[in-house]
Amino acid sequence: MSTTWCVYHLIHVQTPHQHLPKLVITDVPDGETVTQDLVERAGYQFGEFGIPFANHVLEHVDVKESPSDLVARIRAGECDRIPYAKLVELAEAAL
């Protein structure tokens, strides 16, 4: 089996909070953890105000547990997607 992870922008200055997906990582093997380091080595940078990952979250997405607006936006295709194997390939590629 595999899991899905997501980097999303958390907007928490208003209620309800908004969870805006930025990158979905698909086909992550069970037991693997996607890290900020892996995402950055693959060439992705997220953040605000010059602060890496400020107001951004990287976590496993679960249809039953994750915020419903995040799940809906992912299903609507509102973000980039990359398979885990490709993310690892990019992270390990020579410069």
Protein backbone atom coordinates (compact mmCIF):
# COMPACT_ATOMS: atom_id res chain seq x y z
CA MET A 1 0.00 0.00 0.00
CA SER A 2 1.00 3.63 -0.22
CA THR A 3 0.07 6.91 1.37
CA THR A 4 -0.25 10.53 0.33
CA TRP A 5 1.56 13.48 1.88
CA CYS A 6 1.00 17.18 1.32
CA VAL A 7 2.68 20.53 1.83
CA TYR A 8 -0.03 23.05 2.52
CA HIS A 9 -0.22 26.71 3.42
CA LEU A 10 -2.07 27.23 6.67
CA ILE A 11 -3.94 30.51 6.88
CA HIS A 12 -4.88 30.93 10.51
CA VAL A 13 -5.62 34.65 10.81
CA GLN A 14 -9.28 34.06 10.17
CA THR A 15 -11.84 31.50 11.20
CA PRO A 16 -12.35 28.98 9.85
CA HIS A 17 -8.71 28.31 9.08
CA GLN A 18 -7.82 27.66 5.45
CA HIS A 19 -5.59 24.81 4.29
CA LEU A 20 -4.26 25.54 0.79
CA PRO A 21 -2.41 22.61 -0.79
CA LYS A 22 0.84 23.48 -2.55
CA LEU A 23 2.36 20.07 -3.31
CA VAL A 24 0.90 16.58 -3.05
CA ILE A 25 3.33 13.66 -2.85
CA THR A 26 1.64 10.46 -3.99
CA ASP A 27 2.56 6.79 -3.78
CA VAL A 28 4.65 7.16 -0.61
CA PRO A 29 5.48 3.62 0.55
CA ASP A 30 3.98 2.66 3.90
CA GLY A 31 6.48 3.33 6.64
CA GLU A 32 8.30 6.10 4.73
CA THR A 33 8.29 9.66 6.04
CA VAL A 34 8.46 12.67 3.76
CA THR A 35 10.68 15.32 5.31
CA GLN A 36 11.18 19.02 4.73
CA ASP A 37 14.80 18.23 3.86
CA LEU A 38 13.74 15.78 1.13
CA VAL A 39 11.29 18.30 -0.36
CA GLU A 40 13.89 21.08 -0.37
CA ARG A 41 16.64 18.85 -1.86
CA ALA A 42 14.21 18.06 -4.68
CA GLY A 43 14.09 21.77 -5.47
CA TYR A 44 10.87 22.86 -3.79
CA GLN A 45 10.80 25.85 -1.48
CA PHE A 46 7.83 26.98 0.55
CA GLY A 47 7.52 29.77 3.08
CA GLU A 48 6.63 33.37 3.72
CA PHE A 49 8.50 36.53 4.60
CA GLY A 50 11.82 34.91 3.71
CA ILE A 51 11.30 32.23 6.37
CA PRO A 52 11.47 28.65 5.08
CA PHE A 53 8.25 26.71 5.67
CA ALA A 54 6.68 29.61 7.61
CA ASN A 55 2.94 28.92 7.84
CA HIS A 56 3.41 25.74 5.81
CA VAL A 57 2.79 22.22 7.01
CA LEU A 58 4.11 18.93 5.64
CA GLU A 59 2.11 15.92 6.76
CA HIS A 60 0.42 12.69 5.82
CA VAL A 61 -3.04 13.23 4.36
CA ASP A 62 -5.84 11.01 5.59
CA VAL A 63 -9.30 11.40 4.06
CA LYS A 64 -10.98 10.82 7.44
CA GLU A 65 -8.57 12.79 9.64
CA SER A 66 -7.22 15.71 7.57
CA PRO A 67 -9.09 19.03 7.32
CA SER A 68 -12.03 18.67 4.94
CA ASP A 69 -11.18 21.82 2.97
CA LEU A 70 -7.66 20.45 2.34
CA VAL A 71 -9.04 17.13 1.09
CA ALA A 72 -11.56 18.92 -1.15
CA ARG A 73 -8.89 21.17 -2.67
CA ILE A 74 -6.58 18.23 -3.32
CA ARG A 75 -9.40 16.32 -5.01
CA ALA A 76 -10.21 19.40 -7.11
CA GLY A 77 -6.63 19.44 -8.38
CA GLU A 78 -5.71 22.82 -6.89
CA CYS A 79 -2.01 21.97 -6.53
CA ASP A 80 1.01 20.29 -8.08
CA ARG A 81 1.44 16.53 -7.66
CA ILE A 82 4.56 14.40 -7.71
CA PRO A 83 5.08 10.68 -7.10
CA TYR A 84 7.38 9.88 -4.19
CA ALA A 85 9.86 8.04 -6.44
CA LYS A 86 10.26 11.16 -8.61
CA LEU A 87 10.71 13.37 -5.53
CA VAL A 88 13.49 11.07 -4.30
CA GLU A 89 15.06 11.01 -7.77
CA LEU A 90 15.13 14.81 -7.89
CA ALA A 91 16.52 15.00 -4.34
CA GLU A 92 19.37 12.63 -5.21
CA ALA A 93 20.20 14.10 -8.65
CA ALA A 94 23.63 15.59 -9.14
CA LEU A 95 23.83 19.34 -9.46
